[in-house]
Amino acid sequence: MKNVSEVFVDKIIENLIENNSIAVADMEVYKFGVETTILKTLHYTSYFVIALCMDKYLEFAIIFTVFYVFRRNTGGYHAHTRMGCYLFSCTVIILSLFATNLSFNWWGMTTISITNLVLLLILSPVQHINRKLDPEDIDCFRHRLKIISLVFLITYVVTTGLGEIYLIKLYTIGLTMVTLLTILGKLQSIRQN
């Protein structure tokens, strides 16, 4: 039996076929695209609502930017179901925003950030059962991760020079969340093999 989201996606695809917007042969590709777009929209809308409810929208924007840029190149933990993914990712956002209330000194945050970068460079990219990486993919992700890490370090130094320690905290939180998910993803990958 189909759930509500599957029925909704099927209706959209049927409508596109009836209007000759897509070919029947391409139905599965478009179905995947529509489903992914709806899920991403639900996730991002939920994250934004969480940030608004916690009155931490600026914090969310900065933490999520760091998180998203690194996460696209490191891989990491993936829940087994869509609902699990949704609940887990919302929990990560909530924990990240709660972490903004913690107190860290600059040295502590710098130590954490450097440790995170080293771990990410060692562990990444994390393979997942749904996406096996070939050697070219691995090289590409590692190369991009090195560039992103360099940009992160430069931004970190400039932000420190400007005395914006609160921003350093937000960068550190975003990077820490990525590192934790990368470690969890590595453990998940080892368990699945």
N, C-alpha and C. Protein backbone atom coordinates (compact mmCIF):
# COMPACT_ATOMS: atom_id res chain seq x y z
N MET A 1 0.84 -1.19 0.00
CA MET A 1 0.00 0.00 0.00
C MET A 1 0.88 1.24 0.00
N LYS A 2 0.52 2.21 -0.81
CA LYS A 2 1.30 3.43 -0.94
C LYS A 2 0.97 4.40 0.18
N ASN A 3 2.03 5.13 0.62
CA ASN A 3 1.77 6.16 1.62
C ASN A 3 1.36 7.46 0.92
N VAL A 4 1.03 8.47 1.69
CA VAL A 4 0.50 9.72 1.15
C VAL A 4 1.49 10.39 0.21
N SER A 5 2.78 10.39 0.57
CA SER A 5 3.77 11.06 -0.28
C SER A 5 3.93 10.34 -1.61
N GLU A 6 3.86 9.01 -1.61
CA GLU A 6 3.97 8.25 -2.86
C GLU A 6 2.78 8.53 -3.78
N VAL A 7 1.59 8.61 -3.20
CA VAL A 7 0.39 8.92 -3.99
C VAL A 7 0.52 10.32 -4.59
N PHE A 8 1.01 11.27 -3.79
CA PHE A 8 1.19 12.65 -4.24
C PHE A 8 2.19 12.71 -5.40
N VAL A 9 3.31 12.03 -5.26
CA VAL A 9 4.34 12.01 -6.31
C VAL A 9 3.77 11.36 -7.58
N ASP A 10 3.05 10.25 -7.42
CA ASP A 10 2.45 9.58 -8.58
C ASP A 10 1.48 10.51 -9.32
N LYS A 11 0.70 11.27 -8.57
CA LYS A 11 -0.25 12.21 -9.19
C LYS A 11 0.49 13.27 -10.02
N ILE A 12 1.59 13.79 -9.46
CA ILE A 12 2.37 14.79 -10.18
C ILE A 12 2.93 14.20 -11.47
N ILE A 13 3.47 13.00 -11.39
CA ILE A 13 4.06 12.35 -12.57
C ILE A 13 2.97 12.05 -13.61
N GLU A 14 1.82 11.53 -13.17
CA GLU A 14 0.71 11.27 -14.08
C GLU A 14 0.28 12.54 -14.80
N ASN A 15 0.23 13.62 -14.06
CA ASN A 15 -0.14 14.92 -14.62
C ASN A 15 0.88 15.36 -15.67
N LEU A 16 2.15 15.20 -15.38
CA LEU A 16 3.21 15.58 -16.33
C LEU A 16 3.13 14.73 -17.59
N ILE A 17 2.82 13.45 -17.46
CA ILE A 17 2.70 12.57 -18.62
C ILE A 17 1.47 12.96 -19.45
N GLU A 18 0.35 13.20 -18.78
CA GLU A 18 -0.88 13.59 -19.48
C GLU A 18 -0.71 14.89 -20.26
N ASN A 19 0.08 15.80 -19.71
CA ASN A 19 0.32 17.09 -20.38
C ASN A 19 1.47 17.02 -21.38
N ASN A 20 1.97 15.81 -21.63
CA ASN A 20 3.10 15.60 -22.54
C ASN A 20 4.35 16.39 -22.15
N SER A 21 4.50 16.65 -20.86
CA SER A 21 5.69 17.34 -20.36
C SER A 21 6.87 16.39 -20.23
N ILE A 22 6.57 15.12 -19.98
CA ILE A 22 7.63 14.10 -19.91
C ILE A 22 7.15 12.85 -20.63
N ALA A 23 8.12 12.06 -21.08
CA ALA A 23 7.81 10.80 -21.75
C ALA A 23 7.61 9.70 -20.71
N VAL A 24 6.76 8.74 -21.04
CA VAL A 24 6.51 7.61 -20.14
C VAL A 24 7.81 6.88 -19.82
N ALA A 25 8.70 6.81 -20.81
CA ALA A 25 9.98 6.11 -20.62
C ALA A 25 10.85 6.78 -19.55
N ASP A 26 10.64 8.07 -19.34
CA ASP A 26 11.45 8.82 -18.36
C ASP A 26 10.77 8.94 -17.00
N MET A 27 9.64 8.27 -16.85
CA MET A 27 8.82 8.40 -15.65
C MET A 27 9.60 8.15 -14.36
N GLU A 28 10.37 7.08 -14.28
CA GLU A 28 11.09 6.73 -13.05
C GLU A 28 12.11 7.80 -12.66
N VAL A 29 12.79 8.34 -13.66
CA VAL A 29 13.79 9.39 -13.38
C VAL A 29 13.10 10.62 -12.79
N TYR A 30 12.00 11.04 -13.41
CA TYR A 30 11.27 12.20 -12.91
C TYR A 30 10.63 11.93 -11.56
N LYS A 31 10.16 10.72 -11.38
CA LYS A 31 9.56 10.34 -10.09
C LYS A 31 10.59 10.51 -8.98
N PHE A 32 11.81 10.02 -9.22
CA PHE A 32 12.88 10.17 -8.25
C PHE A 32 13.17 11.64 -7.99
N GLY A 33 13.24 12.44 -9.06
CA GLY A 33 13.52 13.87 -8.92
C GLY A 33 12.45 14.61 -8.14
N VAL A 34 11.19 14.33 -8.43
CA VAL A 34 10.08 14.98 -7.72
C VAL A 34 10.09 14.58 -6.25
N GLU A 35 10.27 13.28 -6.01
CA GLU A 35 10.29 12.78 -4.63
C GLU A 35 11.43 13.41 -3.84
N THR A 36 12.60 13.49 -4.44
CA THR A 36 13.77 14.09 -3.78
C THR A 36 13.53 15.57 -3.49
N THR A 37 12.96 16.27 -4.45
CA THR A 37 12.69 17.70 -4.28
C THR A 37 11.69 17.94 -3.14
N ILE A 38 10.65 17.13 -3.09
CA ILE A 38 9.66 17.27 -2.01
C ILE A 38 10.30 16.99 -0.65
N LEU A 39 11.10 15.92 -0.57
CA LEU A 39 11.75 15.58 0.70
C LEU A 39 12.73 16.66 1.14
N LYS A 40 13.53 17.16 0.21
CA LYS A 40 14.49 18.23 0.55
C LYS A 40 13.75 19.47 1.03
N THR A 41 12.66 19.81 0.34
CA THR A 41 11.88 20.98 0.73
C THR A 41 11.32 20.81 2.14
N LEU A 42 10.81 19.62 2.43
CA LEU A 42 10.29 19.33 3.77
C LEU A 42 11.40 19.46 4.82
N HIS A 43 12.55 18.89 4.53
CA HIS A 43 13.67 18.97 5.47
C HIS A 43 14.07 20.42 5.71
N TYR A 44 14.35 21.17 4.64
CA TYR A 44 14.83 22.53 4.81
C TYR A 44 13.80 23.44 5.46
N THR A 45 12.54 23.25 5.12
CA THR A 45 11.48 24.03 5.76
C THR A 45 11.43 23.72 7.26
N SER A 46 11.54 22.45 7.60
CA SER A 46 11.54 22.06 9.02
C SER A 46 12.73 22.66 9.75
N TYR A 47 13.90 22.63 9.13
CA TYR A 47 15.09 23.21 9.77
C TYR A 47 14.87 24.70 10.04
N PHE A 48 14.32 25.38 9.05
CA PHE A 48 14.10 26.81 9.19
C PHE A 48 13.08 27.09 10.30
N VAL A 49 12.03 26.30 10.36
CA VAL A 49 11.01 26.47 11.42
C VAL A 49 11.64 26.22 12.79
N ILE A 50 12.48 25.19 12.89
CA ILE A 50 13.18 24.91 14.15
C ILE A 50 14.02 26.11 14.55
N ALA A 51 14.77 26.66 13.61
CA ALA A 51 15.62 27.82 13.89
C ALA A 51 14.79 29.02 14.33
N LEU A 52 13.67 29.24 13.66
CA LEU A 52 12.79 30.36 14.04
C LEU A 52 12.21 30.15 15.44
N CYS A 53 11.77 28.93 15.73
CA CYS A 53 11.20 28.64 17.05
C CYS A 53 12.24 28.82 18.16
N MET A 54 13.49 28.52 17.85
CA MET A 54 14.56 28.67 18.84
C MET A 54 15.16 30.08 18.81
N ASP A 55 14.66 30.92 17.89
CA ASP A 55 15.16 32.28 17.70
C ASP A 55 16.67 32.27 17.41
N LYS A 56 17.06 31.36 16.53
CA LYS A 56 18.48 31.21 16.18
C LYS A 56 18.64 31.04 14.67
N TYR A 57 18.01 31.91 13.91
CA TYR A 57 18.06 31.77 12.45
C TYR A 57 19.43 32.14 11.88
N LEU A 58 20.10 33.16 12.44
CA LEU A 58 21.45 33.50 11.97
C LEU A 58 22.42 32.37 12.30
N GLU A 59 22.31 31.86 13.51
CA GLU A 59 23.15 30.74 13.93
C GLU A 59 22.92 29.53 13.02
N PHE A 60 21.65 29.26 12.73
CA PHE A 60 21.33 28.14 11.84
C PHE A 60 21.98 28.34 10.48
N ALA A 61 21.86 29.54 9.92
CA ALA A 61 22.40 29.80 8.59
C ALA A 61 23.90 29.52 8.53
N ILE A 62 24.63 29.96 9.54
CA ILE A 62 26.08 29.77 9.54
C ILE A 62 26.46 28.32 9.80
N ILE A 63 25.87 27.73 10.82
CA ILE A 63 26.16 26.32 11.15
C ILE A 63 25.81 25.42 9.96
N PHE A 64 24.62 25.64 9.39
CA PHE A 64 24.17 24.78 8.29
C PHE A 64 25.04 24.95 7.05
N THR A 65 25.51 26.16 6.79
CA THR A 65 26.38 26.38 5.64
C THR A 65 27.67 25.57 5.79
N VAL A 66 28.30 25.66 6.95
CA VAL A 66 29.52 24.89 7.19
C VAL A 66 29.22 23.40 7.08
N PHE A 67 28.16 22.98 7.74
CA PHE A 67 27.76 21.58 7.73
C PHE A 67 27.52 21.08 6.31
N TYR A 68 26.74 21.80 5.55
CA TYR A 68 26.33 21.38 4.21
C TYR A 68 27.53 21.28 3.26
N VAL A 69 28.39 22.28 3.28
CA VAL A 69 29.54 22.29 2.37
C VAL A 69 30.45 21.10 2.64
N PHE A 70 30.72 20.82 3.91
CA PHE A 70 31.58 19.68 4.24
C PHE A 70 30.85 18.36 3.99
N ARG A 71 29.61 18.27 4.40
CA ARG A 71 28.86 17.01 4.33
C ARG A 71 28.75 16.48 2.89
N ARG A 72 28.63 17.37 1.93
CA ARG A 72 28.54 16.96 0.53
C ARG A 72 29.80 16.26 0.05
N ASN A 73 30.89 16.46 0.77
CA ASN A 73 32.16 15.89 0.33
C ASN A 73 32.71 14.83 1.27
N THR A 74 32.09 14.65 2.43
CA THR A 74 32.60 13.67 3.39
C THR A 74 31.73 12.42 3.46
N GLY A 75 30.45 12.56 3.16
CA GLY A 75 29.53 11.46 3.38
C GLY A 75 29.29 11.33 4.86
N GLY A 76 28.79 10.19 5.28
CA GLY A 76 28.56 9.99 6.70
C GLY A 76 27.35 9.13 6.96
N TYR A 77 26.85 9.24 8.15
CA TYR A 77 25.73 8.41 8.60
C TYR A 77 24.48 8.68 7.77
N HIS A 78 23.76 7.61 7.42
CA HIS A 78 22.47 7.70 6.75
C HIS A 78 21.48 6.78 7.47
N ALA A 79 20.33 7.34 7.80
CA ALA A 79 19.28 6.52 8.42
C ALA A 79 18.73 5.54 7.39
N HIS A 80 18.11 4.49 7.86
CA HIS A 80 17.62 3.43 6.97
C HIS A 80 16.27 3.74 6.33
N THR A 81 15.53 4.69 6.91
CA THR A 81 14.21 5.04 6.36
C THR A 81 14.13 6.54 6.16
N ARG A 82 13.18 6.97 5.35
CA ARG A 82 12.99 8.41 5.12
C ARG A 82 12.59 9.11 6.41
N MET A 83 11.70 8.47 7.17
CA MET A 83 11.27 9.07 8.44
C MET A 83 12.44 9.14 9.41
N GLY A 84 13.24 8.08 9.44
CA GLY A 84 14.43 8.08 10.29
C GLY A 84 15.39 9.18 9.90
N CYS A 85 15.58 9.38 8.61
CA CYS A 85 16.45 10.44 8.11
C CYS A 85 15.92 11.81 8.54
N TYR A 86 14.63 12.00 8.37
CA TYR A 86 14.00 13.27 8.72
C TYR A 86 14.16 13.56 10.21
N LEU A 87 13.81 12.60 11.05
CA LEU A 87 13.90 12.80 12.50
C LEU A 87 15.35 12.98 12.95
N PHE A 88 16.26 12.19 12.38
CA PHE A 88 17.67 12.30 12.76
C PHE A 88 18.24 13.66 12.35
N SER A 89 17.93 14.11 11.14
CA SER A 89 18.48 15.38 10.69
C SER A 89 17.90 16.56 11.48
N CYS A 90 16.62 16.48 11.82
CA CYS A 90 16.03 17.54 12.65
C CYS A 90 16.68 17.56 14.04
N THR A 91 16.98 16.37 14.57
CA THR A 91 17.65 16.28 15.87
C THR A 91 19.04 16.90 15.80
N VAL A 92 19.76 16.66 14.70
CA VAL A 92 21.10 17.25 14.53
C VAL A 92 20.99 18.78 14.53
N ILE A 93 19.99 19.31 13.85
CA ILE A 93 19.81 20.77 13.82
C ILE A 93 19.50 21.30 15.22
N ILE A 94 18.60 20.65 15.93
CA ILE A 94 18.25 21.08 17.29
C ILE A 94 19.47 21.05 18.20
N LEU A 95 20.22 19.94 18.18
CA LEU A 95 21.42 19.84 19.01
C LEU A 95 22.46 20.90 18.65
N SER A 96 22.61 21.16 17.36
CA SER A 96 23.55 22.19 16.92
C SER A 96 23.17 23.56 17.48
N LEU A 97 21.88 23.87 17.42
CA LEU A 97 21.43 25.17 17.91
C LEU A 97 21.50 25.26 19.43
N PHE A 98 21.24 24.16 20.12
CA PHE A 98 21.43 24.15 21.58
C PHE A 98 22.91 24.34 21.93
N ALA A 99 23.79 23.81 21.12
CA ALA A 99 25.23 23.91 21.38
C ALA A 99 25.72 25.35 21.34
N THR A 100 24.97 26.24 20.70
CA THR A 100 25.38 27.65 20.66
C THR A 100 25.35 28.28 22.05
N ASN A 101 24.64 27.64 22.99
CA ASN A 101 24.56 28.16 24.36
C ASN A 101 25.74 27.72 25.21
N LEU A 102 26.54 26.79 24.71
CA LEU A 102 27.69 26.31 25.48
C LEU A 102 28.82 27.35 25.44
N SER A 103 29.65 27.30 26.45
CA SER A 103 30.78 28.23 26.54
C SER A 103 32.07 27.54 26.17
N PHE A 104 32.79 28.10 25.22
CA PHE A 104 34.11 27.60 24.82
C PHE A 104 35.06 28.77 24.71
N ASN A 105 36.31 28.54 25.06
CA ASN A 105 37.29 29.59 24.79
C ASN A 105 37.87 29.36 23.40
N TRP A 106 38.59 30.35 22.89
CA TRP A 106 39.12 30.27 21.54
C TRP A 106 40.04 29.07 21.36
N TRP A 107 40.90 28.81 22.34
CA TRP A 107 41.83 27.68 22.22
C TRP A 107 41.09 26.35 22.15
N GLY A 108 40.06 26.23 22.96
CA GLY A 108 39.26 25.00 22.93
C GLY A 108 38.60 24.79 21.59
N MET A 109 38.00 25.86 21.05
CA MET A 109 37.33 25.76 19.75
C MET A 109 38.34 25.47 18.63
N THR A 110 39.49 26.09 18.71
CA THR A 110 40.52 25.87 17.69
C THR A 110 41.03 24.44 17.73
N THR A 111 41.24 23.92 18.93
CA THR A 111 41.68 22.53 19.08
C THR A 111 40.63 21.57 18.52
N ILE A 112 39.38 21.83 18.84
CA ILE A 112 38.28 21.00 18.34
C ILE A 112 38.22 21.07 16.81
N SER A 113 38.31 22.27 16.26
CA SER A 113 38.22 22.43 14.80
C SER A 113 39.37 21.75 14.07
N ILE A 114 40.58 21.89 14.57
CA ILE A 114 41.73 21.25 13.92
C ILE A 114 41.60 19.73 14.01
N THR A 115 41.18 19.24 15.17
CA THR A 115 40.97 17.79 15.34
C THR A 115 39.91 17.32 14.36
N ASN A 116 38.82 18.08 14.23
CA ASN A 116 37.76 17.73 13.28
C ASN A 116 38.30 17.65 11.85
N LEU A 117 39.07 18.65 11.45
CA LEU A 117 39.61 18.67 10.09
C LEU A 117 40.51 17.47 9.83
N VAL A 118 41.36 17.14 10.80
CA VAL A 118 42.26 15.99 10.64
C VAL A 118 41.44 14.71 10.50
N LEU A 119 40.45 14.54 11.36
CA LEU A 119 39.60 13.35 11.29
C LEU A 119 38.87 13.26 9.95
N LEU A 120 38.34 14.39 9.49
CA LEU A 120 37.63 14.38 8.21
C LEU A 120 38.57 14.02 7.06
N LEU A 121 39.77 14.55 7.08
CA LEU A 121 40.73 14.26 6.02
C LEU A 121 41.17 12.79 6.04
N ILE A 122 41.19 12.20 7.21
CA ILE A 122 41.58 10.78 7.33
C ILE A 122 40.42 9.86 6.95
N LEU A 123 39.23 10.15 7.44
CA LEU A 123 38.08 9.24 7.30
C LEU A 123 37.28 9.40 6.01
N SER A 124 37.39 10.52 5.37
CA SER A 124 36.50 10.83 4.24
C SER A 124 37.11 10.42 2.90
N PRO A 125 36.24 10.15 1.93
CA PRO A 125 34.79 10.08 2.01
C PRO A 125 34.32 8.74 2.54
N VAL A 126 33.17 8.76 3.18
CA VAL A 126 32.58 7.54 3.74
C VAL A 126 31.68 6.92 2.68
N GLN A 127 31.88 5.64 2.42
CA GLN A 127 31.04 4.93 1.47
C GLN A 127 29.74 4.53 2.16
N HIS A 128 28.70 4.44 1.37
CA HIS A 128 27.40 4.02 1.88
C HIS A 128 26.89 2.91 0.99
N ILE A 129 26.09 2.04 1.57
CA ILE A 129 25.56 0.89 0.83
C ILE A 129 24.80 1.31 -0.43
N ASN A 130 24.18 2.50 -0.41
CA ASN A 130 23.42 2.99 -1.56
C ASN A 130 24.29 3.67 -2.61
N ARG A 131 25.55 3.95 -2.25
CA ARG A 131 26.43 4.60 -3.20
C ARG A 131 27.85 4.13 -3.00
N LYS A 132 28.27 3.24 -3.85
CA LYS A 132 29.65 2.77 -3.82
C LYS A 132 30.50 3.76 -4.60
N LEU A 133 31.64 4.11 -4.05
CA LEU A 133 32.53 5.06 -4.69
C LEU A 133 33.66 4.32 -5.39
N ASP A 134 33.93 4.72 -6.63
CA ASP A 134 35.08 4.15 -7.32
C ASP A 134 36.30 5.00 -6.98
N PRO A 135 37.51 4.56 -7.33
CA PRO A 135 38.71 5.32 -6.96
C PRO A 135 38.71 6.77 -7.46
N GLU A 136 38.13 7.02 -8.63
CA GLU A 136 38.05 8.39 -9.14
C GLU A 136 37.15 9.26 -8.26
N ASP A 137 36.02 8.71 -7.83
CA ASP A 137 35.12 9.44 -6.94
C ASP A 137 35.83 9.79 -5.63
N ILE A 138 36.52 8.82 -5.08
CA ILE A 138 37.23 9.02 -3.81
C ILE A 138 38.27 10.13 -3.96
N ASP A 139 39.03 10.08 -5.03
CA ASP A 139 40.04 11.12 -5.28
C ASP A 139 39.40 12.49 -5.42
N CYS A 140 38.27 12.54 -6.14
CA CYS A 140 37.57 13.81 -6.36
C CYS A 140 37.07 14.39 -5.03
N PHE A 141 36.41 13.55 -4.21
CA PHE A 141 35.90 14.02 -2.93
C PHE A 141 37.04 14.45 -2.00
N ARG A 142 38.12 13.70 -1.98
CA ARG A 142 39.26 14.07 -1.13
C ARG A 142 39.89 15.38 -1.59
N HIS A 143 40.01 15.56 -2.89
CA HIS A 143 40.58 16.81 -3.42
C HIS A 143 39.70 18.00 -3.03
N ARG A 144 38.39 17.86 -3.23
CA ARG A 144 37.48 18.95 -2.86
C ARG A 144 37.50 19.20 -1.36
N LEU A 145 37.60 18.14 -0.56
CA LEU A 145 37.66 18.30 0.89
C LEU A 145 38.89 19.09 1.31
N LYS A 146 40.01 18.84 0.66
CA LYS A 146 41.24 19.59 0.96
C LYS A 146 41.06 21.07 0.66
N ILE A 147 40.44 21.37 -0.47
CA ILE A 147 40.20 22.78 -0.84
C ILE A 147 39.25 23.44 0.16
N ILE A 148 38.16 22.74 0.49
CA ILE A 148 37.18 23.28 1.44
C ILE A 148 37.82 23.48 2.81
N SER A 149 38.67 22.55 3.21
CA SER A 149 39.36 22.67 4.51
C SER A 149 40.27 23.88 4.52
N LEU A 150 40.96 24.12 3.42
CA LEU A 150 41.83 25.30 3.32
C LEU A 150 41.01 26.58 3.40
N VAL A 151 39.89 26.63 2.67
CA VAL A 151 39.01 27.81 2.72
C VAL A 151 38.48 28.00 4.14
N PHE A 152 38.11 26.90 4.79
CA PHE A 152 37.62 26.96 6.17
C PHE A 152 38.69 27.56 7.08
N LEU A 153 39.93 27.08 6.97
CA LEU A 153 41.02 27.58 7.81
C LEU A 153 41.28 29.07 7.57
N ILE A 154 41.26 29.48 6.31
CA ILE A 154 41.48 30.90 6.00
C ILE A 154 40.35 31.74 6.61
N THR A 155 39.11 31.29 6.44
CA THR A 155 37.96 31.99 7.01
C THR A 155 38.07 32.05 8.53
N TYR A 156 38.49 30.95 9.12
CA TYR A 156 38.66 30.85 10.58
C TYR A 156 39.68 31.87 11.07
N VAL A 157 40.82 31.96 10.38
CA VAL A 157 41.88 32.90 10.78
C VAL A 157 41.41 34.34 10.61
N VAL A 158 40.77 34.64 9.48
CA VAL A 158 40.28 36.00 9.25
C VAL A 158 39.23 36.38 10.29
N THR A 159 38.31 35.48 10.57
CA THR A 159 37.27 35.73 11.56
C THR A 159 37.88 35.94 12.95
N THR A 160 38.89 35.16 13.28
CA THR A 160 39.60 35.34 14.55
C THR A 160 40.25 36.72 14.59
N GLY A 161 40.90 37.09 13.48
CA GLY A 161 41.55 38.41 13.39
C GLY A 161 40.56 39.55 13.58
N LEU A 162 39.34 39.34 13.16
CA LEU A 162 38.31 40.37 13.31
C LEU A 162 37.69 40.35 14.71
N GLY A 163 38.08 39.35 15.51
CA GLY A 163 37.58 39.26 16.88
C GLY A 163 36.17 38.71 17.00
N GLU A 164 35.70 38.05 15.98
CA GLU A 164 34.33 37.50 15.98
C GLU A 164 34.32 36.08 16.54
N ILE A 165 34.53 35.96 17.83
CA ILE A 165 34.65 34.65 18.48
C ILE A 165 33.33 33.87 18.43
N TYR A 166 32.20 34.58 18.46
CA TYR A 166 30.92 33.87 18.38
C TYR A 166 30.78 33.15 17.03
N LEU A 167 31.26 33.79 15.96
CA LEU A 167 31.23 33.14 14.66
C LEU A 167 32.14 31.90 14.65
N ILE A 168 33.27 31.99 15.33
CA ILE A 168 34.18 30.84 15.43
C ILE A 168 33.45 29.68 16.10
N LYS A 169 32.67 29.99 17.12
CA LYS A 169 31.89 28.95 17.80
C LYS A 169 30.92 28.28 16.82
N LEU A 170 30.26 29.08 15.99
CA LEU A 170 29.30 28.54 15.03
C LEU A 170 29.99 27.67 13.98
N TYR A 171 31.16 28.13 13.50
CA TYR A 171 31.94 27.33 12.54
C TYR A 171 32.30 25.99 13.18
N THR A 172 32.74 26.05 14.43
CA THR A 172 33.18 24.85 15.14
C THR A 172 32.02 23.87 15.33
N ILE A 173 30.85 24.38 15.67
CA ILE A 173 29.68 23.52 15.85
C ILE A 173 29.32 22.82 14.53
N GLY A 174 29.27 23.57 13.45
CA GLY A 174 28.95 22.98 12.14
C GLY A 174 29.95 21.91 11.75
N LEU A 175 31.22 22.18 11.95
CA LEU A 175 32.27 21.23 11.60
C LEU A 175 32.22 20.00 12.51
N THR A 176 31.92 20.20 13.78
CA THR A 176 31.83 19.09 14.73
C THR A 176 30.68 18.16 14.36
N MET A 177 29.55 18.72 13.97
CA MET A 177 28.41 17.88 13.58
C MET A 177 28.76 17.03 12.36
N VAL A 178 29.44 17.62 11.39
CA VAL A 178 29.86 16.86 10.21
C VAL A 178 30.81 15.73 10.62
N THR A 179 31.74 16.04 11.49
CA THR A 179 32.71 15.03 11.94
C THR A 179 32.03 13.89 12.67
N LEU A 180 31.08 14.22 13.55
CA LEU A 180 30.36 13.17 14.26
C LEU A 180 29.58 12.27 13.30
N LEU A 181 28.94 12.86 12.30
CA LEU A 181 28.19 12.06 11.32
C LEU A 181 29.14 11.25 10.43
N THR A 182 30.32 11.78 10.18
CA THR A 182 31.31 11.04 9.39
C THR A 182 31.79 9.82 10.18
N ILE A 183 32.05 10.01 11.46
CA ILE A 183 32.48 8.89 12.31
C ILE A 183 31.37 7.85 12.39
N LEU A 184 30.13 8.30 12.63
CA LEU A 184 29.00 7.37 12.67
C LEU A 184 28.83 6.64 11.33
N GLY A 185 29.03 7.36 10.24
CA GLY A 185 28.93 6.76 8.92
C GLY A 185 30.00 5.72 8.68
N LYS A 186 31.21 6.01 9.16
CA LYS A 186 32.30 5.03 9.03
C LYS A 186 31.97 3.77 9.81
N LEU A 187 31.47 3.93 11.02
CA LEU A 187 31.07 2.76 11.84
C LEU A 187 29.93 2.00 11.16
N GLN A 188 28.98 2.74 10.59
CA GLN A 188 27.87 2.10 9.87
C GLN A 188 28.39 1.32 8.66
N SER A 189 29.34 1.90 7.95
CA SER A 189 29.91 1.25 6.77
C SER A 189 30.66 -0.03 7.15
N ILE A 190 31.41 0.02 8.24
CA ILE A 190 32.16 -1.15 8.71
C ILE A 190 31.18 -2.25 9.12
N ARG A 191 30.10 -1.88 9.80
CA ARG A 191 29.11 -2.84 10.25
C ARG A 191 28.39 -3.51 9.07
N GLN A 192 28.18 -2.75 7.98
CA GLN A 192 27.46 -3.29 6.83
C GLN A 192 28.33 -4.19 5.96
N ASN A 193 29.62 -4.10 6.12
CA ASN A 193 30.53 -4.93 5.30
C ASN A 193 30.84 -6.24 5.96
